[in-house]
Amino acid sequence: MVDYLAIGKRIKRMRIQKHMTQEQLGNYIGLSAKHVSNIETNNAHPSLEALIEIANALECSLDFLVLESIAETPKTNYNQEFVDIIKSCNAREKHILIECVYAIKKILKENP
């Protein structure tokens, strides 16, 4: 379920942090100040297009605006995934995988 009240509150908070009035935001995205007010107070629900425009105007990501409305994905247990992969390998495959992991880790450290 989309929590438009929370979205409106985030929009208002970001707009104020950017020192923008409702009129300025509305002009930037092609909506009236009254409509921006209605979105912020959950009296109107913005379209996807409007949310994208608002995110761009406020220089924030769309997922930030709707984050609480998105069901969290379960955390991946990477340790268990590595264990499962290693268990299915023979000695030669394990050696190759370990060498690859070290090489990739080195590259990641050198290129943050």
PDB file of N, CA and C in Angstrom:
ATOM      1  N   MET A   1       0.834  -1.172   0.000  1.00  0.00           N
ATOM      2  CA  MET A   1       0.000   0.000   0.000  1.00  0.00           C
ATOM      3  C   MET A   1       0.889   1.249   0.000  1.00  0.00           C
ATOM      4  N   VAL A   2       0.568   2.191  -0.809  1.00  0.00           N
ATOM      5  CA  VAL A   2       1.350   3.413  -0.923  1.00  0.00           C
ATOM      6  C   VAL A   2       0.951   4.366   0.208  1.00  0.00           C
ATOM      7  N   ASP A   3       1.943   4.841   0.945  1.00  0.00           N
ATOM      8  CA  ASP A   3       1.706   5.761   2.057  1.00  0.00           C
ATOM      9  C   ASP A   3       1.909   7.191   1.553  1.00  0.00           C
ATOM     10  N   TYR A   4       0.839   7.756   0.984  1.00  0.00           N
ATOM     11  CA  TYR A   4       0.925   9.095   0.402  1.00  0.00           C
ATOM     12  C   TYR A   4       1.157  10.173   1.459  1.00  0.00           C
ATOM     13  N   LEU A   5       0.706   9.936   2.675  1.00  0.00           N
ATOM     14  CA  LEU A   5       0.952  10.903   3.743  1.00  0.00           C
ATOM     15  C   LEU A   5       2.448  11.018   4.015  1.00  0.00           C
ATOM     16  N   ALA A   6       3.129   9.875   4.116  1.00  0.00           N
ATOM     17  CA  ALA A   6       4.580   9.871   4.348  1.00  0.00           C
ATOM     18  C   ALA A   6       5.317  10.491   3.165  1.00  0.00           C
ATOM     19  N   ILE A   7       4.851  10.207   1.953  1.00  0.00           N
ATOM     20  CA  ILE A   7       5.467  10.789   0.757  1.00  0.00           C
ATOM     21  C   ILE A   7       5.335  12.311   0.801  1.00  0.00           C
ATOM     22  N   GLY A   8       4.151  12.791   1.129  1.00  0.00           N
ATOM     23  CA  GLY A   8       3.920  14.228   1.213  1.00  0.00           C
ATOM     24  C   GLY A   8       4.807  14.895   2.253  1.00  0.00           C
ATOM     25  N   LYS A   9       4.968  14.227   3.384  1.00  0.00           N
ATOM     26  CA  LYS A   9       5.822  14.782   4.437  1.00  0.00           C
ATOM     27  C   LYS A   9       7.276  14.855   3.978  1.00  0.00           C
ATOM     28  N   ARG A  10       7.737  13.826   3.264  1.00  0.00           N
ATOM     29  CA  ARG A  10       9.117  13.851   2.753  1.00  0.00           C
ATOM     30  C   ARG A  10       9.296  14.954   1.720  1.00  0.00           C
ATOM     31  N   ILE A  11       8.302  15.114   0.858  1.00  0.00           N
ATOM     32  CA  ILE A  11       8.369  16.176  -0.148  1.00  0.00           C
ATOM     33  C   ILE A  11       8.470  17.531   0.552  1.00  0.00           C
ATOM     34  N   LYS A  12       7.622  17.756   1.534  1.00  0.00           N
ATOM     35  CA  LYS A  12       7.633  19.033   2.256  1.00  0.00           C
ATOM     36  C   LYS A  12       8.980  19.253   2.935  1.00  0.00           C
ATOM     37  N   ARG A  13       9.476  18.216   3.613  1.00  0.00           N
ATOM     38  CA  ARG A  13      10.759  18.341   4.310  1.00  0.00           C
ATOM     39  C   ARG A  13      11.883  18.688   3.336  1.00  0.00           C
ATOM     40  N   MET A  14      11.938  17.994   2.204  1.00  0.00           N
ATOM     41  CA  MET A  14      12.985  18.256   1.204  1.00  0.00           C
ATOM     42  C   MET A  14      12.813  19.652   0.596  1.00  0.00           C
ATOM     43  N   ARG A  15      11.586  20.041   0.330  1.00  0.00           N
ATOM     44  CA  ARG A  15      11.327  21.358  -0.252  1.00  0.00           C
ATOM     45  C   ARG A  15      11.810  22.455   0.684  1.00  0.00           C
ATOM     46  N   ILE A  16      11.515  22.310   1.967  1.00  0.00           N
ATOM     47  CA  ILE A  16      11.943  23.309   2.956  1.00  0.00           C
ATOM     48  C   ILE A  16      13.469  23.315   3.073  1.00  0.00           C
ATOM     49  N   GLN A  17      14.080  22.134   3.058  1.00  0.00           N
ATOM     50  CA  GLN A  17      15.547  22.072   3.119  1.00  0.00           C
ATOM     51  C   GLN A  17      16.196  22.769   1.922  1.00  0.00           C
ATOM     52  N   LYS A  18      15.505  22.749   0.785  1.00  0.00           N
ATOM     53  CA  LYS A  18      16.011  23.403  -0.427  1.00  0.00           C
ATOM     54  C   LYS A  18      15.609  24.880  -0.480  1.00  0.00           C
ATOM     55  N   HIS A  19      14.959  25.361   0.585  1.00  0.00           N
ATOM     56  CA  HIS A  19      14.509  26.753   0.660  1.00  0.00           C
ATOM     57  C   HIS A  19      13.601  27.110  -0.524  1.00  0.00           C
ATOM     58  N   MET A  20      12.696  26.193  -0.840  1.00  0.00           N
ATOM     59  CA  MET A  20      11.746  26.413  -1.930  1.00  0.00           C
ATOM     60  C   MET A  20      10.354  26.603  -1.356  1.00  0.00           C
ATOM     61  N   THR A  21       9.599  27.484  -1.972  1.00  0.00           N
ATOM     62  CA  THR A  21       8.195  27.623  -1.619  1.00  0.00           C
ATOM     63  C   THR A  21       7.401  26.598  -2.430  1.00  0.00           C
ATOM     64  N   GLN A  22       6.163  26.398  -2.030  1.00  0.00           N
ATOM     65  CA  GLN A  22       5.290  25.507  -2.798  1.00  0.00           C
ATOM     66  C   GLN A  22       5.106  26.053  -4.211  1.00  0.00           C
ATOM     67  N   GLU A  23       5.044  27.370  -4.320  1.00  0.00           N
ATOM     68  CA  GLU A  23       4.887  27.997  -5.632  1.00  0.00           C
ATOM     69  C   GLU A  23       6.116  27.736  -6.505  1.00  0.00           C
ATOM     70  N   GLN A  24       7.303  27.861  -5.939  1.00  0.00           N
ATOM     71  CA  GLN A  24       8.532  27.616  -6.710  1.00  0.00           C
ATOM     72  C   GLN A  24       8.600  26.164  -7.173  1.00  0.00           C
ATOM     73  N   LEU A  25       8.286  25.232  -6.267  1.00  0.00           N
ATOM     74  CA  LEU A  25       8.291  23.824  -6.650  1.00  0.00           C
ATOM     75  C   LEU A  25       7.244  23.578  -7.724  1.00  0.00           C
ATOM     76  N   GLY A  26       6.071  24.115  -7.525  1.00  0.00           N
ATOM     77  CA  GLY A  26       5.008  23.947  -8.508  1.00  0.00           C
ATOM     78  C   GLY A  26       5.395  24.475  -9.879  1.00  0.00           C
ATOM     79  N   ASN A  27       6.002  25.658  -9.923  1.00  0.00           N
ATOM     80  CA  ASN A  27       6.444  26.228 -11.193  1.00  0.00           C
ATOM     81  C   ASN A  27       7.482  25.338 -11.866  1.00  0.00           C
ATOM     82  N   TYR A  28       8.372  24.778 -11.075  1.00  0.00           N
ATOM     83  CA  TYR A  28       9.437  23.926 -11.605  1.00  0.00           C
ATOM     84  C   TYR A  28       8.879  22.660 -12.244  1.00  0.00           C
ATOM     85  N   ILE A  29       7.818  22.129 -11.648  1.00  0.00           N
ATOM     86  CA  ILE A  29       7.274  20.845 -12.126  1.00  0.00           C
ATOM     87  C   ILE A  29       5.968  20.985 -12.897  1.00  0.00           C
ATOM     88  N   GLY A  30       5.484  22.210 -13.055  1.00  0.00           N
ATOM     89  CA  GLY A  30       4.280  22.427 -13.844  1.00  0.00           C
ATOM     90  C   GLY A  30       2.979  22.160 -13.107  1.00  0.00           C
ATOM     91  N   LEU A  31       2.973  22.364 -11.792  1.00  0.00           N
ATOM     92  CA  LEU A  31       1.760  22.209 -10.987  1.00  0.00           C
ATOM     93  C   LEU A  31       1.517  23.498 -10.221  1.00  0.00           C
ATOM     94  N   SER A  32       0.296  23.697  -9.788  1.00  0.00           N
ATOM     95  CA  SER A  32      -0.016  24.888  -8.993  1.00  0.00           C
ATOM     96  C   SER A  32       0.510  24.705  -7.570  1.00  0.00           C
ATOM     97  N   ALA A  33       0.710  25.833  -6.886  1.00  0.00           N
ATOM     98  CA  ALA A  33       1.125  25.779  -5.487  1.00  0.00           C
ATOM     99  C   ALA A  33       0.073  25.048  -4.655  1.00  0.00           C
ATOM    100  N   LYS A  34      -1.195  25.245  -4.989  1.00  0.00           N
ATOM    101  CA  LYS A  34      -2.279  24.568  -4.271  1.00  0.00           C
ATOM    102  C   LYS A  34      -2.175  23.053  -4.429  1.00  0.00           C
ATOM    103  N   HIS A  35      -1.835  22.600  -5.638  1.00  0.00           N
ATOM    104  CA  HIS A  35      -1.707  21.156  -5.863  1.00  0.00           C
ATOM    105  C   HIS A  35      -0.514  20.597  -5.088  1.00  0.00           C
ATOM    106  N   VAL A  36       0.583  21.344  -5.059  1.00  0.00           N
ATOM    107  CA  VAL A  36       1.746  20.917  -4.263  1.00  0.00           C
ATOM    108  C   VAL A  36       1.331  20.808  -2.797  1.00  0.00           C
ATOM    109  N   SER A  37       0.592  21.805  -2.303  1.00  0.00           N
ATOM    110  CA  SER A  37       0.109  21.775  -0.928  1.00  0.00           C
ATOM    111  C   SER A  37      -0.756  20.535  -0.689  1.00  0.00           C
ATOM    112  N   ASN A  38      -1.648  20.249  -1.640  1.00  0.00           N
ATOM    113  CA  ASN A  38      -2.522  19.080  -1.506  1.00  0.00           C
ATOM    114  C   ASN A  38      -1.731  17.772  -1.489  1.00  0.00           C
ATOM    115  N   ILE A  39      -0.651  17.708  -2.261  1.00  0.00           N
ATOM    116  CA  ILE A  39       0.198  16.508  -2.252  1.00  0.00           C
ATOM    117  C   ILE A  39       0.880  16.380  -0.892  1.00  0.00           C
ATOM    118  N   GLU A  40       1.405  17.490  -0.389  1.00  0.00           N
ATOM    119  CA  GLU A  40       2.117  17.466   0.891  1.00  0.00           C
ATOM    120  C   GLU A  40       1.207  17.104   2.059  1.00  0.00           C
ATOM    121  N   THR A  41      -0.074  17.419   1.947  1.00  0.00           N
ATOM    122  CA  THR A  41      -1.011  17.153   3.045  1.00  0.00           C
ATOM    123  C   THR A  41      -1.897  15.932   2.788  1.00  0.00           C
ATOM    124  N   ASN A  42      -1.571  15.162   1.766  1.00  0.00           N
ATOM    125  CA  ASN A  42      -2.296  13.927   1.433  1.00  0.00           C
ATOM    126  C   ASN A  42      -3.736  14.196   0.985  1.00  0.00           C
ATOM    127  N   ASN A  43      -3.979  15.377   0.435  1.00  0.00           N
ATOM    128  CA  ASN A  43      -5.292  15.675  -0.130  1.00  0.00           C
ATOM    129  C   ASN A  43      -5.322  15.415  -1.631  1.00  0.00           C
ATOM    130  N   ALA A  44      -4.162  15.082  -2.188  1.00  0.00           N
ATOM    131  CA  ALA A  44      -4.055  14.693  -3.596  1.00  0.00           C
ATOM    132  C   ALA A  44      -2.918  13.694  -3.700  1.00  0.00           C
ATOM    133  N   HIS A  45      -3.063  12.744  -4.588  1.00  0.00           N
ATOM    134  CA  HIS A  45      -2.037  11.734  -4.795  1.00  0.00           C
ATOM    135  C   HIS A  45      -1.304  12.018  -6.102  1.00  0.00           C
ATOM    136  N   PRO A  46      -0.002  12.211  -6.024  1.00  0.00           N
ATOM    137  CA  PRO A  46       0.750  12.534  -7.234  1.00  0.00           C
ATOM    138  C   PRO A  46       0.871  11.322  -8.157  1.00  0.00           C
ATOM    139  N   SER A  47       0.897  11.597  -9.449  1.00  0.00           N
ATOM    140  CA  SER A  47       1.138  10.532 -10.421  1.00  0.00           C
ATOM    141  C   SER A  47       2.605  10.146 -10.369  1.00  0.00           C
ATOM    142  N   LEU A  48       2.948   9.051 -10.995  1.00  0.00           N
ATOM    143  CA  LEU A  48       4.340   8.634 -11.080  1.00  0.00           C
ATOM    144  C   LEU A  48       5.171   9.719 -11.763  1.00  0.00           C
ATOM    145  N   GLU A  49       4.620  10.280 -12.838  1.00  0.00           N
ATOM    146  CA  GLU A  49       5.333  11.344 -13.553  1.00  0.00           C
ATOM    147  C   GLU A  49       5.584  12.540 -12.646  1.00  0.00           C
ATOM    148  N   ALA A  50       4.586  12.918 -11.848  1.00  0.00           N
ATOM    149  CA  ALA A  50       4.744  14.044 -10.937  1.00  0.00           C
ATOM    150  C   ALA A  50       5.793  13.731  -9.871  1.00  0.00           C
ATOM    151  N   LEU A  51       5.783  12.509  -9.360  1.00  0.00           N
ATOM    152  CA  LEU A  51       6.786  12.120  -8.365  1.00  0.00           C
ATOM    153  C   LEU A  51       8.201  12.192  -8.931  1.00  0.00           C
ATOM    154  N   ILE A  52       8.356  11.779 -10.181  1.00  0.00           N
ATOM    155  CA  ILE A  52       9.671  11.853 -10.824  1.00  0.00           C
ATOM    156  C   ILE A  52      10.103  13.300 -10.965  1.00  0.00           C
ATOM    157  N   GLU A  53       9.179  14.154 -11.400  1.00  0.00           N
ATOM    158  CA  GLU A  53       9.496  15.577 -11.538  1.00  0.00           C
ATOM    159  C   GLU A  53       9.839  16.199 -10.188  1.00  0.00           C
ATOM    160  N   ILE A  54       9.093  15.832  -9.158  1.00  0.00           N
ATOM    161  CA  ILE A  54       9.350  16.355  -7.818  1.00  0.00           C
ATOM    162  C   ILE A  54      10.729  15.898  -7.334  1.00  0.00           C
ATOM    163  N   ALA A  55      11.038  14.623  -7.516  1.00  0.00           N
ATOM    164  CA  ALA A  55      12.351  14.102  -7.107  1.00  0.00           C
ATOM    165  C   ALA A  55      13.469  14.855  -7.827  1.00  0.00           C
ATOM    166  N   ASN A  56      13.294  15.095  -9.111  1.00  0.00           N
ATOM    167  CA  ASN A  56      14.306  15.838  -9.867  1.00  0.00           C
ATOM    168  C   ASN A  56      14.426  17.277  -9.352  1.00  0.00           C
ATOM    169  N   ALA A  57      13.302  17.912  -9.101  1.00  0.00           N
ATOM    170  CA  ALA A  57      13.317  19.297  -8.625  1.00  0.00           C
ATOM    171  C   ALA A  57      13.981  19.404  -7.258  1.00  0.00           C
ATOM    172  N   LEU A  58      13.756  18.411  -6.425  1.00  0.00           N
ATOM    173  CA  LEU A  58      14.301  18.433  -5.067  1.00  0.00           C
ATOM    174  C   LEU A  58      15.681  17.784  -4.988  1.00  0.00           C
ATOM    175  N   GLU A  59      16.156  17.314  -6.119  1.00  0.00           N
ATOM    176  CA  GLU A  59      17.472  16.678  -6.210  1.00  0.00           C
ATOM    177  C   GLU A  59      17.604  15.520  -5.228  1.00  0.00           C
ATOM    178  N   CYS A  60      16.581  14.673  -5.233  1.00  0.00           N
ATOM    179  CA  CYS A  60      16.624  13.469  -4.414  1.00  0.00           C
ATOM    180  C   CYS A  60      16.151  12.308  -5.281  1.00  0.00           C
ATOM    181  N   SER A  61      16.347  11.117  -4.808  1.00  0.00           N
ATOM    182  CA  SER A  61      15.939   9.960  -5.589  1.00  0.00           C
ATOM    183  C   SER A  61      14.453   9.672  -5.388  1.00  0.00           C
ATOM    184  N   LEU A  62      13.879   9.050  -6.380  1.00  0.00           N
ATOM    185  CA  LEU A  62      12.473   8.666  -6.291  1.00  0.00           C
ATOM    186  C   LEU A  62      12.267   7.662  -5.161  1.00  0.00           C
ATOM    187  N   ASP A  63      13.204   6.740  -4.995  1.00  0.00           N
ATOM    188  CA  ASP A  63      13.039   5.766  -3.924  1.00  0.00           C
ATOM    189  C   ASP A  63      13.068   6.422  -2.547  1.00  0.00           C
ATOM    190  N   PHE A  64      13.799   7.535  -2.407  1.00  0.00           N
ATOM    191  CA  PHE A  64      13.774   8.256  -1.136  1.00  0.00           C
ATOM    192  C   PHE A  64      12.358   8.747  -0.832  1.00  0.00           C
ATOM    193  N   LEU A  65      11.687   9.271  -1.856  1.00  0.00           N
ATOM    194  CA  LEU A  65      10.347   9.803  -1.637  1.00  0.00           C
ATOM    195  C   LEU A  65       9.349   8.718  -1.272  1.00  0.00           C
ATOM    196  N   VAL A  66       9.482   7.535  -1.841  1.00  0.00           N
ATOM    197  CA  VAL A  66       8.484   6.483  -1.626  1.00  0.00           C
ATOM    198  C   VAL A  66       9.009   5.312  -0.799  1.00  0.00           C
ATOM    199  N   LEU A  67      10.181   5.451  -0.215  1.00  0.00           N
ATOM    200  CA  LEU A  67      10.863   4.345   0.452  1.00  0.00           C
ATOM    201  C   LEU A  67       9.982   3.544   1.396  1.00  0.00           C
ATOM    202  N   GLU A  68       9.283   4.206   2.295  1.00  0.00           N
ATOM    203  CA  GLU A  68       8.478   3.463   3.266  1.00  0.00           C
ATOM    204  C   GLU A  68       7.294   2.765   2.606  1.00  0.00           C
ATOM    205  N   SER A  69       7.003   3.147   1.366  1.00  0.00           N
ATOM    206  CA  SER A  69       5.898   2.521   0.661  1.00  0.00           C
ATOM    207  C   SER A  69       6.330   1.250  -0.054  1.00  0.00           C
ATOM    208  N   ILE A  70       7.628   1.026  -0.109  1.00  0.00           N
ATOM    209  CA  ILE A  70       8.149  -0.154  -0.796  1.00  0.00           C
ATOM    210  C   ILE A  70       8.449  -1.221   0.244  1.00  0.00           C
ATOM    211  N   ALA A  71       7.947  -2.401   0.026  1.00  0.00           N
ATOM    212  CA  ALA A  71       8.234  -3.492   0.946  1.00  0.00           C
ATOM    213  C   ALA A  71       9.725  -3.792   0.904  1.00  0.00           C
ATOM    214  N   GLU A  72      10.317  -3.936   2.080  1.00  0.00           N
ATOM    215  CA  GLU A  72      11.743  -4.215   2.126  1.00  0.00           C
ATOM    216  C   GLU A  72      12.007  -5.628   1.612  1.00  0.00           C
ATOM    217  N   THR A  73      13.087  -5.740   0.864  1.00  0.00           N
ATOM    218  CA  THR A  73      13.469  -7.056   0.387  1.00  0.00           C
ATOM    219  C   THR A  73      14.230  -7.756   1.494  1.00  0.00           C
ATOM    220  N   PRO A  74      14.085  -9.063   1.576  1.00  0.00           N
ATOM    221  CA  PRO A  74      14.791  -9.776   2.630  1.00  0.00           C
ATOM    222  C   PRO A  74      16.305  -9.638   2.458  1.00  0.00           C
ATOM    223  N   LYS A  75      16.995  -9.572   3.583  1.00  0.00           N
ATOM    224  CA  LYS A  75      18.449  -9.469   3.548  1.00  0.00           C
ATOM    225  C   LYS A  75      19.038 -10.783   3.038  1.00  0.00           C
ATOM    226  N   THR A  76      20.009 -10.650   2.158  1.00  0.00           N
ATOM    227  CA  THR A  76      20.670 -11.828   1.627  1.00  0.00           C
ATOM    228  C   THR A  76      21.761 -12.253   2.591  1.00  0.00           C
ATOM    229  N   ASN A  77      21.833 -13.526   2.858  1.00  0.00           N
ATOM    230  CA  ASN A  77      22.879 -14.064   3.717  1.00  0.00           C
ATOM    231  C   ASN A  77      24.048 -14.463   2.822  1.00  0.00           C
ATOM    232  N   TYR A  78      24.942 -13.489   2.567  1.00  0.00           N
ATOM    233  CA  TYR A  78      26.052 -13.735   1.652  1.00  0.00           C
ATOM    234  C   TYR A  78      27.015 -14.776   2.195  1.00  0.00           C
ATOM    235  N   ASN A  79      27.206 -14.801   3.500  1.00  0.00           N
ATOM    236  CA  ASN A  79      28.106 -15.805   4.063  1.00  0.00           C
ATOM    237  C   ASN A  79      27.620 -17.206   3.713  1.00  0.00           C
ATOM    238  N   GLN A  80      26.333 -17.433   3.863  1.00  0.00           N
ATOM    239  CA  GLN A  80      25.791 -18.756   3.562  1.00  0.00           C
ATOM    240  C   GLN A  80      25.893 -19.054   2.070  1.00  0.00           C
ATOM    241  N   GLU A  81      25.706 -18.041   1.238  1.00  0.00           N
ATOM    242  CA  GLU A  81      25.841 -18.255  -0.205  1.00  0.00           C
ATOM    243  C   GLU A  81      27.251 -18.692  -0.557  1.00  0.00           C
ATOM    244  N   PHE A  82      28.260 -18.028   0.039  1.00  0.00           N
ATOM    245  CA  PHE A  82      29.642 -18.422  -0.222  1.00  0.00           C
ATOM    246  C   PHE A  82      29.902 -19.848   0.253  1.00  0.00           C
ATOM    247  N   VAL A  83      29.398 -20.174   1.434  1.00  0.00           N
ATOM    248  CA  VAL A  83      29.575 -21.527   1.967  1.00  0.00           C
ATOM    249  C   VAL A  83      28.963 -22.555   1.023  1.00  0.00           C
ATOM    250  N   ASP A  84      27.749 -22.276   0.546  1.00  0.00           N
ATOM    251  CA  ASP A  84      27.076 -23.208  -0.360  1.00  0.00           C
ATOM    252  C   ASP A  84      27.843 -23.379  -1.660  1.00  0.00           C
ATOM    253  N   ILE A  85      28.388 -22.282  -2.177  1.00  0.00           N
ATOM    254  CA  ILE A  85      29.161 -22.369  -3.419  1.00  0.00           C
ATOM    255  C   ILE A  85      30.415 -23.208  -3.198  1.00  0.00           C
ATOM    256  N   ILE A  86      31.133 -22.918  -2.133  1.00  0.00           N
ATOM    257  CA  ILE A  86      32.378 -23.632  -1.855  1.00  0.00           C
ATOM    258  C   ILE A  86      32.126 -25.121  -1.616  1.00  0.00           C
ATOM    259  N   LYS A  87      31.048 -25.441  -0.916  1.00  0.00           N
ATOM    260  CA  LYS A  87      30.728 -26.849  -0.640  1.00  0.00           C
ATOM    261  C   LYS A  87      30.538 -27.648  -1.920  1.00  0.00           C
ATOM    262  N   SER A  88      30.054 -26.997  -2.961  1.00  0.00           N
ATOM    263  CA  SER A  88      29.769 -27.714  -4.202  1.00  0.00           C
ATOM    264  C   SER A  88      30.983 -27.824  -5.126  1.00  0.00           C
ATOM    265  N   CYS A  89      32.134 -27.315  -4.674  1.00  0.00           N
ATOM    266  CA  CYS A  89      33.331 -27.306  -5.531  1.00  0.00           C
ATOM    267  C   CYS A  89      34.322 -28.405  -5.139  1.00  0.00           C
ATOM    268  N   ASN A  90      35.086 -28.832  -6.143  1.00  0.00           N
ATOM    269  CA  ASN A  90      36.203 -29.721  -5.841  1.00  0.00           C
ATOM    270  C   ASN A  90      37.403 -28.855  -5.453  1.00  0.00           C
ATOM    271  N   ALA A  91      38.510 -29.469  -5.083  1.00  0.00           N
ATOM    272  CA  ALA A  91      39.675 -28.727  -4.593  1.00  0.00           C
ATOM    273  C   ALA A  91      40.196 -27.728  -5.621  1.00  0.00           C
ATOM    274  N   ARG A  92      40.272 -28.134  -6.874  1.00  0.00           N
ATOM    275  CA  ARG A  92      40.761 -27.247  -7.938  1.00  0.00           C
ATOM    276  C   ARG A  92      39.850 -26.033  -8.096  1.00  0.00           C
ATOM    277  N   GLU A  93      38.541 -26.253  -8.109  1.00  0.00           N
ATOM    278  CA  GLU A  93      37.578 -25.161  -8.251  1.00  0.00           C
ATOM    279  C   GLU A  93      37.660 -24.193  -7.058  1.00  0.00           C
ATOM    280  N   LYS A  94      37.837 -24.765  -5.859  1.00  0.00           N
ATOM    281  CA  LYS A  94      37.972 -23.924  -4.669  1.00  0.00           C
ATOM    282  C   LYS A  94      39.178 -23.010  -4.796  1.00  0.00           C
ATOM    283  N   HIS A  95      40.310 -23.582  -5.215  1.00  0.00           N
ATOM    284  CA  HIS A  95      41.529 -22.796  -5.379  1.00  0.00           C
ATOM    285  C   HIS A  95      41.318 -21.651  -6.380  1.00  0.00           C
ATOM    286  N   ILE A  96      40.708 -21.949  -7.509  1.00  0.00           N
ATOM    287  CA  ILE A  96      40.460 -20.931  -8.536  1.00  0.00           C
ATOM    288  C   ILE A  96      39.531 -19.849  -8.008  1.00  0.00           C
ATOM    289  N   LEU A  97      38.465 -20.249  -7.332  1.00  0.00           N
ATOM    290  CA  LEU A  97      37.530 -19.266  -6.781  1.00  0.00           C
ATOM    291  C   LEU A  97      38.198 -18.355  -5.759  1.00  0.00           C
ATOM    292  N   ILE A  98      39.018 -18.916  -4.894  1.00  0.00           N
ATOM    293  CA  ILE A  98      39.713 -18.113  -3.885  1.00  0.00           C
ATOM    294  C   ILE A  98      40.635 -17.101  -4.557  1.00  0.00           C
ATOM    295  N   GLU A  99      41.380 -17.537  -5.562  1.00  0.00           N
ATOM    296  CA  GLU A  99      42.265 -16.625  -6.285  1.00  0.00           C
ATOM    297  C   GLU A  99      41.458 -15.510  -6.966  1.00  0.00           C
ATOM    298  N   CYS A 100      40.336 -15.859  -7.531  1.00  0.00           N
ATOM    299  CA  CYS A 100      39.467 -14.861  -8.181  1.00  0.00           C
ATOM    300  C   CYS A 100      38.927 -13.858  -7.167  1.00  0.00           C
ATOM    301  N   VAL A 101      38.487 -14.342  -6.033  1.00  0.00           N
ATOM    302  CA  VAL A 101      37.947 -13.456  -4.992  1.00  0.00           C
ATOM    303  C   VAL A 101      39.015 -12.480  -4.530  1.00  0.00           C
ATOM    304  N   TYR A 102      40.235 -12.971  -4.292  1.00  0.00           N
ATOM    305  CA  TYR A 102      41.322 -12.070  -3.891  1.00  0.00           C
ATOM    306  C   TYR A 102      41.595 -11.027  -4.966  1.00  0.00           C
ATOM    307  N   ALA A 103      41.616 -11.438  -6.228  1.00  0.00           N
ATOM    308  CA  ALA A 103      41.878 -10.509  -7.328  1.00  0.00           C
ATOM    309  C   ALA A 103      40.769  -9.455  -7.422  1.00  0.00           C
ATOM    310  N   ILE A 104      39.528  -9.881  -7.304  1.00  0.00           N
ATOM    311  CA  ILE A 104      38.400  -8.944  -7.371  1.00  0.00           C
ATOM    312  C   ILE A 104      38.431  -7.988  -6.187  1.00  0.00           C
ATOM    313  N   LYS A 105      38.715  -8.495  -5.015  1.00  0.00           N
ATOM    314  CA  LYS A 105      38.795  -7.653  -3.820  1.00  0.00           C
ATOM    315  C   LYS A 105      39.870  -6.589  -3.993  1.00  0.00           C
ATOM    316  N   LYS A 106      41.011  -6.959  -4.552  1.00  0.00           N
ATOM    317  CA  LYS A 106      42.096  -5.998  -4.783  1.00  0.00           C
ATOM    318  C   LYS A 106      41.630  -4.901  -5.738  1.00  0.00           C
ATOM    319  N   ILE A 107      40.951  -5.287  -6.815  1.00  0.00           N
ATOM    320  CA  ILE A 107      40.432  -4.320  -7.784  1.00  0.00           C
ATOM    321  C   ILE A 107      39.429  -3.383  -7.124  1.00  0.00           C
ATOM    322  N   LEU A 108      38.542  -3.920  -6.307  1.00  0.00           N
ATOM    323  CA  LEU A 108      37.537  -3.099  -5.627  1.00  0.00           C
ATOM    324  C   LEU A 108      38.184  -2.098  -4.678  1.00  0.00           C
ATOM    325  N   LYS A 109      39.235  -2.516  -3.976  1.00  0.00           N
ATOM    326  CA  LYS A 109      39.928  -1.605  -3.064  1.00  0.00           C
ATOM    327  C   LYS A 109      40.631  -0.493  -3.818  1.00  0.00           C
ATOM    328  N   GLU A 110      41.165  -0.815  -4.989  1.00  0.00           N
ATOM    329  CA  GLU A 110      41.891   0.178  -5.788  1.00  0.00           C
ATOM    330  C   GLU A 110      40.959   1.124  -6.513  1.00  0.00           C
ATOM    331  N   ASN A 111      39.690   0.723  -6.696  1.00  0.00           N
ATOM    332  CA  ASN A 111      38.711   1.527  -7.439  1.00  0.00           C
ATOM    333  C   ASN A 111      37.417   1.655  -6.634  1.00  0.00           C
ATOM    334  N   PRO A 112      37.454   2.445  -5.558  1.00  0.00           N
ATOM    335  CA  PRO A 112      36.257   2.536  -4.692  1.00  0.00           C
ATOM    336  C   PRO A 112      35.063   3.174  -5.373  1.00  0.00           C
TER     337      PRO A 112
END
